[in-house]
Amino acid sequence: MTLDLPAPVREYVAAKDTNDPATIAACFHEEAWVHDEAEDIIGRANIQKWASATIQKYKFTMTPTAWKQEDADTGVLTATLVGNFPGSPVDLDYRMMLKDGKIYRLEIE
């Protein structure tokens, strides 16, 4: 199934496939904010560190299954994650706010 994703979301999915933290972090606005596992990560440099730690810890793949546009700059990507964590596989929602062609906010639920 091919999803019609906004460019920044499509770039994030492709970057995740590389498992390269710098490539993943480049998808985010310089002042971006990520909320994951009850933690807030602020700024592109910290997002790169978070991406690196998450990749190493969980060794997961992400397969997008749905995109729901909420408004002009906000939507939810649903994806199936398979990896080294309890409950794998799991479906998670990635609530994203876009700004200036980058991901500005990401909440993983």
C-alpha atoms as a PDB file:
ATOM      1  CA  MET A   1       0.000   0.000   0.000  1.00  0.00           C
ATOM      2  CA  THR A   2       1.338   3.406  -0.967  1.00  0.00           C
ATOM      3  CA  LEU A   3       0.379   6.291   1.298  1.00  0.00           C
ATOM      4  CA  ASP A   4       0.084   9.893   0.147  1.00  0.00           C
ATOM      5  CA  LEU A   5       2.350  11.474   2.774  1.00  0.00           C
ATOM      6  CA  PRO A   6       3.446  15.101   3.048  1.00  0.00           C
ATOM      7  CA  ALA A   7       7.072  15.510   1.963  1.00  0.00           C
ATOM      8  CA  PRO A   8       8.538  15.944   5.499  1.00  0.00           C
ATOM      9  CA  VAL A   9       6.757  12.788   6.698  1.00  0.00           C
ATOM     10  CA  ARG A  10       7.852  10.836   3.618  1.00  0.00           C
ATOM     11  CA  GLU A  11      11.434  12.004   4.232  1.00  0.00           C
ATOM     12  CA  TYR A  12      11.250  10.921   7.892  1.00  0.00           C
ATOM     13  CA  VAL A  13      10.047   7.423   6.932  1.00  0.00           C
ATOM     14  CA  ALA A  14      12.853   7.098   4.363  1.00  0.00           C
ATOM     15  CA  ALA A  15      15.400   8.394   6.890  1.00  0.00           C
ATOM     16  CA  LYS A  16      14.246   5.868   9.487  1.00  0.00           C
ATOM     17  CA  ASP A  17      14.895   3.115   6.920  1.00  0.00           C
ATOM     18  CA  THR A  18      18.566   4.202   6.824  1.00  0.00           C
ATOM     19  CA  ASN A  19      18.918   3.901  10.624  1.00  0.00           C
ATOM     20  CA  ASP A  20      21.296   6.871  10.419  1.00  0.00           C
ATOM     21  CA  PRO A  21      20.658   9.308  13.314  1.00  0.00           C
ATOM     22  CA  ALA A  22      22.018  12.322  11.397  1.00  0.00           C
ATOM     23  CA  THR A  23      19.731  11.608   8.441  1.00  0.00           C
ATOM     24  CA  ILE A  24      16.761  11.230  10.792  1.00  0.00           C
ATOM     25  CA  ALA A  25      17.588  14.435  12.686  1.00  0.00           C
ATOM     26  CA  ALA A  26      17.851  16.369   9.402  1.00  0.00           C
ATOM     27  CA  CYS A  27      14.095  15.800   8.926  1.00  0.00           C
ATOM     28  CA  PHE A  28      13.402  18.005  11.945  1.00  0.00           C
ATOM     29  CA  HIS A  29      13.218  21.777  12.323  1.00  0.00           C
ATOM     30  CA  GLU A  30      16.190  23.199  14.269  1.00  0.00           C
ATOM     31  CA  GLU A  31      13.883  23.996  17.214  1.00  0.00           C
ATOM     32  CA  ALA A  32      11.844  20.793  17.001  1.00  0.00           C
ATOM     33  CA  TRP A  33      10.321  18.994  19.954  1.00  0.00           C
ATOM     34  CA  VAL A  34       9.793  15.226  20.286  1.00  0.00           C
ATOM     35  CA  HIS A  35       7.793  13.476  22.995  1.00  0.00           C
ATOM     36  CA  ASP A  36       8.557   9.755  23.309  1.00  0.00           C
ATOM     37  CA  GLU A  37       8.376   7.367  26.263  1.00  0.00           C
ATOM     38  CA  ALA A  38       7.372  10.152  28.702  1.00  0.00           C
ATOM     39  CA  GLU A  39      10.439  12.190  27.711  1.00  0.00           C
ATOM     40  CA  ASP A  40      10.701  15.514  25.884  1.00  0.00           C
ATOM     41  CA  ILE A  41      13.577  15.959  23.456  1.00  0.00           C
ATOM     42  CA  ILE A  42      14.170  19.517  22.257  1.00  0.00           C
ATOM     43  CA  GLY A  43      16.378  20.681  19.388  1.00  0.00           C
ATOM     44  CA  ARG A  44      17.839  18.889  16.391  1.00  0.00           C
ATOM     45  CA  ALA A  45      21.116  17.935  18.134  1.00  0.00           C
ATOM     46  CA  ASN A  46      19.232  16.259  20.981  1.00  0.00           C
ATOM     47  CA  ILE A  47      16.892  14.590  18.508  1.00  0.00           C
ATOM     48  CA  GLN A  48      19.923  13.056  16.798  1.00  0.00           C
ATOM     49  CA  LYS A  49      21.097  11.654  20.157  1.00  0.00           C
ATOM     50  CA  TRP A  50      17.581  10.320  20.847  1.00  0.00           C
ATOM     51  CA  ALA A  51      17.438   8.679  17.393  1.00  0.00           C
ATOM     52  CA  SER A  52      20.803   7.016  17.963  1.00  0.00           C
ATOM     53  CA  ALA A  53      19.839   5.679  21.396  1.00  0.00           C
ATOM     54  CA  THR A  54      16.441   4.453  20.165  1.00  0.00           C
ATOM     55  CA  ILE A  55      17.941   2.648  17.162  1.00  0.00           C
ATOM     56  CA  GLN A  56      20.573   0.945  19.320  1.00  0.00           C
ATOM     57  CA  LYS A  57      18.159   0.005  22.100  1.00  0.00           C
ATOM     58  CA  TYR A  58      15.216  -1.313  20.053  1.00  0.00           C
ATOM     59  CA  LYS A  59      16.681  -2.273  16.652  1.00  0.00           C
ATOM     60  CA  PHE A  60      13.274  -1.722  15.079  1.00  0.00           C
ATOM     61  CA  THR A  61      11.696  -1.404  11.683  1.00  0.00           C
ATOM     62  CA  MET A  62       8.795   0.914  10.965  1.00  0.00           C
ATOM     63  CA  THR A  63       6.107   0.237   8.361  1.00  0.00           C
ATOM     64  CA  PRO A  64       3.630   3.101   7.800  1.00  0.00           C
ATOM     65  CA  THR A  65       0.027   1.902   7.581  1.00  0.00           C
ATOM     66  CA  ALA A  66      -2.064   5.102   7.565  1.00  0.00           C
ATOM     67  CA  TRP A  67      -1.912   8.890   7.389  1.00  0.00           C
ATOM     68  CA  LYS A  68      -4.696  11.121   8.712  1.00  0.00           C
ATOM     69  CA  GLN A  69      -4.403  14.821   7.894  1.00  0.00           C
ATOM     70  CA  GLU A  70      -5.880  16.837  10.772  1.00  0.00           C
ATOM     71  CA  ASP A  71      -5.307  20.345   9.430  1.00  0.00           C
ATOM     72  CA  ALA A  72      -2.924  22.119   7.064  1.00  0.00           C
ATOM     73  CA  ASP A  73       0.158  21.504   9.230  1.00  0.00           C
ATOM     74  CA  THR A  74      -0.805  18.581  11.472  1.00  0.00           C
ATOM     75  CA  GLY A  75      -1.478  14.902  10.943  1.00  0.00           C
ATOM     76  CA  VAL A  76      -1.063  11.438  12.402  1.00  0.00           C
ATOM     77  CA  LEU A  77       1.069   8.701  10.886  1.00  0.00           C
ATOM     78  CA  THR A  78       0.169   5.214  12.093  1.00  0.00           C
ATOM     79  CA  ALA A  79       2.968   2.675  11.760  1.00  0.00           C
ATOM     80  CA  THR A  80       3.708  -0.887  12.769  1.00  0.00           C
ATOM     81  CA  LEU A  81       6.990  -1.263  14.654  1.00  0.00           C
ATOM     82  CA  VAL A  82       8.810  -4.568  14.932  1.00  0.00           C
ATOM     83  CA  GLY A  83      11.863  -4.755  17.125  1.00  0.00           C
ATOM     84  CA  ASN A  84      13.623  -5.677  20.326  1.00  0.00           C
ATOM     85  CA  PHE A  85      10.976  -4.560  22.838  1.00  0.00           C
ATOM     86  CA  PRO A  86       8.104  -6.128  24.807  1.00  0.00           C
ATOM     87  CA  GLY A  87       4.879  -6.440  22.837  1.00  0.00           C
ATOM     88  CA  SER A  88       6.539  -6.383  19.411  1.00  0.00           C
ATOM     89  CA  PRO A  89       5.011  -5.853  16.925  1.00  0.00           C
ATOM     90  CA  VAL A  90       3.061  -2.777  17.972  1.00  0.00           C
ATOM     91  CA  ASP A  91       1.083  -0.095  16.154  1.00  0.00           C
ATOM     92  CA  LEU A  92       1.991   3.449  17.190  1.00  0.00           C
ATOM     93  CA  ASP A  93       0.667   6.863  16.237  1.00  0.00           C
ATOM     94  CA  TYR A  94       3.149   9.583  15.290  1.00  0.00           C
ATOM     95  CA  ARG A  95       1.338  12.915  15.713  1.00  0.00           C
ATOM     96  CA  MET A  96       3.297  15.466  13.680  1.00  0.00           C
ATOM     97  CA  MET A  97       3.208  19.222  13.271  1.00  0.00           C
ATOM     98  CA  LEU A  98       5.071  20.503  10.240  1.00  0.00           C
ATOM     99  CA  LYS A  99       6.761  23.902   9.828  1.00  0.00           C
ATOM    100  CA  ASP A 100       8.980  25.272   7.073  1.00  0.00           C
ATOM    101  CA  GLY A 101       9.137  21.905   5.303  1.00  0.00           C
ATOM    102  CA  LYS A 102      10.376  20.062   8.415  1.00  0.00           C
ATOM    103  CA  ILE A 103       8.876  18.223  11.370  1.00  0.00           C
ATOM    104  CA  TYR A 104       8.402  20.766  14.144  1.00  0.00           C
ATOM    105  CA  ARG A 105       6.647  18.598  16.732  1.00  0.00           C
ATOM    106  CA  LEU A 106       6.424  14.822  17.051  1.00  0.00           C
ATOM    107  CA  GLU A 107       4.451  12.982  19.706  1.00  0.00           C
ATOM    108  CA  ILE A 108       4.745   9.202  19.654  1.00  0.00           C
ATOM    109  CA  GLU A 109       1.740   7.499  21.240  1.00  0.00           C
END
